[in-house]
Amino acid sequence: MQAAGFTRMQVALSVMKTAIPLVLLTMAIGEFVAPSGRADGA
């Protein structure tokens, strides 16, 4: 992407704009959705 004229900071920011929401979504699923699916109901 640097060959296309993007700086390293622009490349990093574009990756982070995707990565951070995915991390937050994964954390939310682990905290709220997954426990309710446990067989023992704990």
Protein backbone atom coordinates (compact mmCIF):
# COMPACT_ATOMS: atom_id res chain seq x y z
CA MET A 1 0.00 0.00 0.00
CA GLN A 2 2.96 2.30 0.50
CA ALA A 3 3.68 2.00 -3.21
CA ALA A 4 0.20 3.43 -3.80
CA GLY A 5 1.11 6.55 -1.84
CA PHE A 6 -0.19 5.73 1.64
CA THR A 7 2.00 6.49 4.63
CA ARG A 8 2.67 3.87 7.27
CA MET A 9 0.39 5.77 9.64
CA GLN A 10 -2.48 5.72 7.14
CA VAL A 11 -2.03 1.99 6.63
CA ALA A 12 -1.96 1.38 10.39
CA LEU A 13 -5.07 3.50 10.97
CA SER A 14 -7.03 1.71 8.28
CA VAL A 15 -6.15 -1.64 9.85
CA MET A 16 -7.08 -0.41 13.33
CA LYS A 17 -10.45 0.90 12.13
CA THR A 18 -11.33 -2.70 11.31
CA ALA A 19 -9.47 -4.51 14.09
CA ILE A 20 -10.71 -2.55 17.12
CA PRO A 21 -14.46 -3.06 16.47
CA LEU A 22 -13.84 -6.77 15.85
CA VAL A 23 -11.95 -7.08 19.13
CA LEU A 24 -14.74 -5.28 21.00
CA LEU A 25 -17.39 -7.46 19.37
CA THR A 26 -15.47 -10.61 20.31
CA MET A 27 -15.13 -9.41 23.90
CA ALA A 28 -18.85 -8.60 24.11
CA ILE A 29 -19.81 -12.03 22.79
CA GLY A 30 -17.48 -13.67 25.30
CA GLU A 31 -18.89 -11.65 28.19
CA PHE A 32 -22.61 -11.63 27.45
CA VAL A 33 -23.65 -14.11 24.77
CA ALA A 34 -21.46 -17.15 25.43
CA PRO A 35 -22.24 -17.55 29.18
CA SER A 36 -25.96 -17.84 28.48
CA GLY A 37 -25.24 -20.75 26.17
CA ARG A 38 -23.57 -22.88 28.83
CA ALA A 39 -25.23 -26.21 29.58
CA ASP A 40 -25.10 -25.83 33.38
CA GLY A 41 -26.72 -22.39 33.29
CA ALA A 42 -24.08 -20.85 35.53
